[in-house]
Protein backbone atom coordinates (compact mmCIF):
# COMPACT_ATOMS: atom_id res chain seq x y z
CA MET A 1 -0.89 -8.98 -20.85
CA SER A 2 -4.56 -8.76 -21.69
CA ARG A 3 -6.49 -5.60 -21.04
CA VAL A 4 -8.81 -7.18 -18.45
CA VAL A 5 -5.91 -8.58 -16.43
CA ARG A 6 -4.13 -5.22 -16.56
CA ILE A 7 -7.25 -3.44 -15.28
CA LEU A 8 -7.75 -5.96 -12.46
CA ILE A 9 -4.12 -5.73 -11.35
CA GLY A 10 -4.31 -1.94 -11.54
CA LEU A 11 -7.45 -1.88 -9.38
CA ILE A 12 -5.88 -4.18 -6.81
CA CYS A 13 -2.75 -2.01 -6.66
CA LEU A 14 -4.85 1.14 -6.38
CA GLU A 15 -6.99 -0.29 -3.60
CA ALA A 16 -3.98 -1.55 -1.64
CA GLY A 17 -2.21 1.78 -2.10
CA VAL A 18 -5.13 3.87 -0.88
CA LEU A 19 -5.51 1.54 2.10
CA LEU A 20 -1.82 1.87 2.97
CA VAL A 21 -1.96 5.66 2.65
CA PHE A 22 -4.91 6.20 4.97
CA LEU A 23 -4.84 3.25 7.38
CA PRO A 24 -1.77 4.29 9.46
CA TRP A 25 -3.42 7.60 10.35
CA SER A 26 -6.83 6.16 11.23
CA PRO A 27 -8.06 5.04 14.67
CA TYR A 28 -7.94 1.41 13.48
CA TRP A 29 -4.14 1.56 13.52
CA GLU A 30 -4.12 2.39 17.24
CA ASN A 31 -6.72 -0.21 18.27
CA ASN A 32 -5.64 -3.52 16.80
CA PHE A 33 -4.91 -7.06 17.89
CA PHE A 34 -1.13 -6.72 17.90
CA LEU A 35 -1.08 -3.71 20.21
CA GLN A 36 -3.28 -5.50 22.72
CA ARG A 37 -1.50 -8.85 22.45
CA PHE A 38 2.07 -7.49 22.34
CA PRO A 39 2.31 -4.25 24.34
CA GLU A 40 6.06 -4.04 23.76
CA LEU A 41 5.32 -3.22 20.09
CA VAL A 42 3.35 -0.08 20.99
CA PRO A 43 6.28 2.39 20.67
CA PHE A 44 7.32 0.88 17.33
CA LEU A 45 3.88 0.56 15.73
CA LEU A 46 2.68 3.98 16.85
CA SER A 47 5.88 5.70 15.71
CA PRO A 48 5.31 8.45 13.14
CA PHE A 49 8.33 7.16 11.22
CA LEU A 50 6.72 3.74 10.69
CA ARG A 51 3.41 5.35 9.77
CA GLY A 52 5.22 7.54 7.24
CA ALA A 53 7.03 4.55 5.77
CA VAL A 54 3.76 2.65 5.33
CA THR A 55 2.19 5.73 3.75
CA GLY A 56 5.17 6.00 1.39
CA LEU A 57 4.69 2.39 0.32
CA GLY A 58 1.04 3.18 -0.31
CA LEU A 59 1.96 6.13 -2.51
CA LEU A 60 4.35 3.95 -4.49
CA ASP A 61 1.54 1.45 -4.96
CA VAL A 62 -0.81 4.18 -6.19
CA PHE A 63 1.84 5.35 -8.68
CA LEU A 64 2.30 1.74 -9.82
CA ALA A 65 -1.45 1.49 -10.42
CA GLY A 66 -1.35 4.71 -12.40
CA SER A 67 1.50 3.35 -14.50
CA ILE A 68 -0.47 0.17 -15.14
CA PHE A 69 -3.56 2.14 -16.19
CA ILE A 70 -1.55 4.37 -18.51
CA GLY A 71 -0.17 1.24 -20.14
CA ARG A 72 3.54 1.74 -19.75
CA GLN A 73 5.46 -1.45 -20.00
CA ASN A 74 9.00 -2.24 -19.04
CA PRO A 75 11.00 -2.42 -22.28
CA ASN A 76 13.45 -4.86 -20.64
CA ALA A 77 10.69 -7.25 -19.55
CA VAL A 78 10.53 -10.64 -21.19
CA ALA A 79 7.19 -11.19 -22.89
């Protein structure tokens, strides 16, 4: 993989990860289209367990970006 592509993918992963870490705890999470359109989803979407799961996915994405920036490659990957 070329260096430019690796940097772009790393930046996209980093941006998505940071967004997933902070978005569930922001006011935007509580005031969105789905909560207004589907009020039966309110207990599920505002659950701290779901927010924690989304934050965990964001942290995994940030670690993936860090791994991409460091340059580790999967030795089992087919080139």
